[in-house]
């Protein structure tokens, strides 16, 4: 069983930055990648970024060149650095651990989410 806990969300003005953290615990031998997703009210959940075991990263077009996903294995933590934030980035951000990069499976793992609000 894998447990994920997000932190670091909050209020920020447009153009500002935030760094989200996801602490990982449990057996992760089946986990091949970690990702961040977000969901705004009334909208579908969307992939923001993911990083594989090999360290390759993929980003949504909407956050390309502004967000950076990274890992710190010593601290069992996955990060999402968000720069040049825009009001449209406002959403609940979720940490996710899965087996197949880019695919959401029923037995994948999710955190509880952390709210990010960007004001104009």
C-alpha atoms as a PDB file:
ATOM      1  CA  UNK A   1       0.000   0.000   0.000  1.00  0.00           C
ATOM      2  CA  UNK A   2       1.282   3.441  -0.959  1.00  0.00           C
ATOM      3  CA  UNK A   3       0.333   6.646   0.836  1.00  0.00           C
ATOM      4  CA  UNK A   4       0.742  10.131  -0.623  1.00  0.00           C
ATOM      5  CA  UNK A   5       0.381  13.402   1.283  1.00  0.00           C
ATOM      6  CA  UNK A   6       0.469  16.776  -0.476  1.00  0.00           C
ATOM      7  CA  UNK A   7       1.393  20.104   1.084  1.00  0.00           C
ATOM      8  CA  UNK A   8       2.445  23.592   0.031  1.00  0.00           C
ATOM      9  CA  UNK A   9      -0.747  24.941  -1.483  1.00  0.00           C
ATOM     10  CA  UNK A  10      -2.087  28.372  -0.655  1.00  0.00           C
ATOM     11  CA  UNK A  11      -2.884  31.845  -1.934  1.00  0.00           C
ATOM     12  CA  UNK A  12      -0.570  33.676  -4.306  1.00  0.00           C
ATOM     13  CA  UNK A  13      -0.812  36.645  -6.658  1.00  0.00           C
ATOM     14  CA  UNK A  14      -0.478  36.228 -10.410  1.00  0.00           C
ATOM     15  CA  UNK A  15       3.166  36.065 -11.389  1.00  0.00           C
ATOM     16  CA  UNK A  16       4.179  34.534  -8.089  1.00  0.00           C
ATOM     17  CA  UNK A  17       5.419  31.049  -7.306  1.00  0.00           C
ATOM     18  CA  UNK A  18       4.673  28.081  -5.069  1.00  0.00           C
ATOM     19  CA  UNK A  19       6.369  24.755  -4.411  1.00  0.00           C
ATOM     20  CA  UNK A  20       4.170  21.748  -3.732  1.00  0.00           C
ATOM     21  CA  UNK A  21       5.462  18.677  -1.905  1.00  0.00           C
ATOM     22  CA  UNK A  22       4.239  15.087  -1.937  1.00  0.00           C
ATOM     23  CA  UNK A  23       5.597  12.767   0.741  1.00  0.00           C
ATOM     24  CA  UNK A  24       5.571   9.095  -0.227  1.00  0.00           C
ATOM     25  CA  UNK A  25       5.362   6.104   2.113  1.00  0.00           C
ATOM     26  CA  UNK A  26       4.666   2.398   1.806  1.00  0.00           C
ATOM     27  CA  UNK A  27       5.797  -0.207  -0.700  1.00  0.00           C
ATOM     28  CA  UNK A  28       6.450   1.407  -4.069  1.00  0.00           C
ATOM     29  CA  UNK A  29       7.924  -1.550  -5.967  1.00  0.00           C
ATOM     30  CA  UNK A  30       4.973  -1.452  -8.375  1.00  0.00           C
ATOM     31  CA  UNK A  31       5.233   2.316  -8.874  1.00  0.00           C
ATOM     32  CA  UNK A  32       6.895   3.341 -12.117  1.00  0.00           C
ATOM     33  CA  UNK A  33       6.077   7.044 -12.144  1.00  0.00           C
ATOM     34  CA  UNK A  34       4.798   9.941 -10.061  1.00  0.00           C
ATOM     35  CA  UNK A  35       2.593  12.696 -11.382  1.00  0.00           C
ATOM     36  CA  UNK A  36       0.727  15.840 -10.452  1.00  0.00           C
ATOM     37  CA  UNK A  37      -2.851  16.399 -11.589  1.00  0.00           C
ATOM     38  CA  UNK A  38      -5.190  19.306 -10.975  1.00  0.00           C
ATOM     39  CA  UNK A  39      -8.927  19.856 -11.004  1.00  0.00           C
ATOM     40  CA  UNK A  40     -10.750  23.168 -11.051  1.00  0.00           C
ATOM     41  CA  UNK A  41     -14.434  23.437 -10.049  1.00  0.00           C
ATOM     42  CA  UNK A  42     -16.691  22.214 -12.849  1.00  0.00           C
ATOM     43  CA  UNK A  43     -13.776  20.969 -14.937  1.00  0.00           C
ATOM     44  CA  UNK A  44     -12.227  17.575 -15.594  1.00  0.00           C
ATOM     45  CA  UNK A  45      -9.092  16.529 -13.787  1.00  0.00           C
ATOM     46  CA  UNK A  46      -6.050  17.075 -15.982  1.00  0.00           C
ATOM     47  CA  UNK A  47      -2.474  15.885 -15.986  1.00  0.00           C
ATOM     48  CA  UNK A  48       0.026  18.594 -15.086  1.00  0.00           C
ATOM     49  CA  UNK A  49       3.331  16.712 -15.139  1.00  0.00           C
ATOM     50  CA  UNK A  50       4.892  13.330 -14.470  1.00  0.00           C
ATOM     51  CA  UNK A  51       8.315  11.868 -13.816  1.00  0.00           C
ATOM     52  CA  UNK A  52       9.306   8.226 -14.422  1.00  0.00           C
ATOM     53  CA  UNK A  53      11.714   5.964 -12.525  1.00  0.00           C
ATOM     54  CA  UNK A  54      14.297   6.789 -15.157  1.00  0.00           C
ATOM     55  CA  UNK A  55      13.887  10.500 -14.516  1.00  0.00           C
ATOM     56  CA  UNK A  56      12.192  11.503 -17.745  1.00  0.00           C
ATOM     57  CA  UNK A  57       9.574  14.230 -17.407  1.00  0.00           C
ATOM     58  CA  UNK A  58       6.485  15.265 -19.329  1.00  0.00           C
ATOM     59  CA  UNK A  59       4.440  18.451 -18.958  1.00  0.00           C
ATOM     60  CA  UNK A  60       1.069  19.685 -20.084  1.00  0.00           C
ATOM     61  CA  UNK A  61       1.283  22.412 -22.710  1.00  0.00           C
ATOM     62  CA  UNK A  62      -0.415  24.852 -20.341  1.00  0.00           C
ATOM     63  CA  UNK A  63       2.420  24.626 -17.787  1.00  0.00           C
ATOM     64  CA  UNK A  64       5.398  23.945 -20.048  1.00  0.00           C
ATOM     65  CA  UNK A  65       8.391  26.154 -19.151  1.00  0.00           C
ATOM     66  CA  UNK A  66       6.666  27.385 -15.982  1.00  0.00           C
ATOM     67  CA  UNK A  67       6.369  24.259 -13.801  1.00  0.00           C
ATOM     68  CA  UNK A  68       9.060  21.749 -12.840  1.00  0.00           C
ATOM     69  CA  UNK A  69       8.514  18.284 -11.372  1.00  0.00           C
ATOM     70  CA  UNK A  70      11.348  16.698  -9.396  1.00  0.00           C
ATOM     71  CA  UNK A  71      12.139  13.931  -6.913  1.00  0.00           C
ATOM     72  CA  UNK A  72      14.209  13.683  -3.751  1.00  0.00           C
ATOM     73  CA  UNK A  73      14.588   9.972  -3.050  1.00  0.00           C
ATOM     74  CA  UNK A  74      16.454  10.578   0.215  1.00  0.00           C
ATOM     75  CA  UNK A  75      13.439  12.448   1.574  1.00  0.00           C
ATOM     76  CA  UNK A  76      10.832  10.255  -0.160  1.00  0.00           C
ATOM     77  CA  UNK A  77       9.317  13.375  -1.662  1.00  0.00           C
ATOM     78  CA  UNK A  78       8.066  14.520  -5.063  1.00  0.00           C
ATOM     79  CA  UNK A  79       7.933  18.250  -5.778  1.00  0.00           C
ATOM     80  CA  UNK A  80       6.167  20.575  -8.166  1.00  0.00           C
ATOM     81  CA  UNK A  81       7.754  24.006  -8.502  1.00  0.00           C
ATOM     82  CA  UNK A  82       5.260  26.424 -10.018  1.00  0.00           C
ATOM     83  CA  UNK A  83       6.523  29.741 -11.377  1.00  0.00           C
ATOM     84  CA  UNK A  84       4.777  32.627 -13.140  1.00  0.00           C
ATOM     85  CA  UNK A  85       1.433  31.481 -11.810  1.00  0.00           C
ATOM     86  CA  UNK A  86      -1.739  32.544 -13.601  1.00  0.00           C
ATOM     87  CA  UNK A  87      -5.344  32.750 -12.338  1.00  0.00           C
ATOM     88  CA  UNK A  88      -6.201  29.801 -14.597  1.00  0.00           C
ATOM     89  CA  UNK A  89      -3.777  27.671 -12.560  1.00  0.00           C
ATOM     90  CA  UNK A  90      -6.246  27.834  -9.660  1.00  0.00           C
ATOM     91  CA  UNK A  91      -7.259  24.270  -8.794  1.00  0.00           C
ATOM     92  CA  UNK A  92      -6.881  21.438  -6.326  1.00  0.00           C
ATOM     93  CA  UNK A  93      -3.575  19.729  -7.051  1.00  0.00           C
ATOM     94  CA  UNK A  94      -3.244  15.981  -6.495  1.00  0.00           C
ATOM     95  CA  UNK A  95      -0.182  13.788  -6.225  1.00  0.00           C
ATOM     96  CA  UNK A  96      -0.437  10.438  -8.020  1.00  0.00           C
ATOM     97  CA  UNK A  97       1.627   7.250  -8.200  1.00  0.00           C
ATOM     98  CA  UNK A  98       1.063   4.768 -11.000  1.00  0.00           C
ATOM     99  CA  UNK A  99       2.450   1.867 -12.978  1.00  0.00           C
ATOM    100  CA  UNK A 100       2.102   3.006 -16.587  1.00  0.00           C
ATOM    101  CA  UNK A 101       3.255   6.545 -17.394  1.00  0.00           C
ATOM    102  CA  UNK A 102       0.417   8.702 -18.621  1.00  0.00           C
ATOM    103  CA  UNK A 103      -2.282   6.152 -17.725  1.00  0.00           C
ATOM    104  CA  UNK A 104      -4.684   6.257 -14.785  1.00  0.00           C
ATOM    105  CA  UNK A 105      -5.508   2.785 -13.446  1.00  0.00           C
ATOM    106  CA  UNK A 106      -8.072   1.778 -10.838  1.00  0.00           C
ATOM    107  CA  UNK A 107      -5.462   0.608  -8.327  1.00  0.00           C
ATOM    108  CA  UNK A 108      -3.185   3.632  -8.689  1.00  0.00           C
ATOM    109  CA  UNK A 109      -2.566   5.799  -5.627  1.00  0.00           C
ATOM    110  CA  UNK A 110      -3.721   9.355  -4.935  1.00  0.00           C
ATOM    111  CA  UNK A 111      -3.120  11.969  -2.288  1.00  0.00           C
ATOM    112  CA  UNK A 112      -5.847  14.060  -0.665  1.00  0.00           C
ATOM    113  CA  UNK A 113      -5.104  17.181  -2.689  1.00  0.00           C
ATOM    114  CA  UNK A 114      -3.928  20.691  -1.850  1.00  0.00           C
ATOM    115  CA  UNK A 115      -5.657  23.911  -2.912  1.00  0.00           C
ATOM    116  CA  UNK A 116      -3.800  26.451  -5.039  1.00  0.00           C
ATOM    117  CA  UNK A 117      -5.494  29.814  -5.570  1.00  0.00           C
ATOM    118  CA  UNK A 118      -3.971  32.472  -7.826  1.00  0.00           C
ATOM    119  CA  UNK A 119      -5.428  35.974  -7.646  1.00  0.00           C
ATOM    120  CA  UNK A 120      -5.230  38.574 -10.402  1.00  0.00           C
END
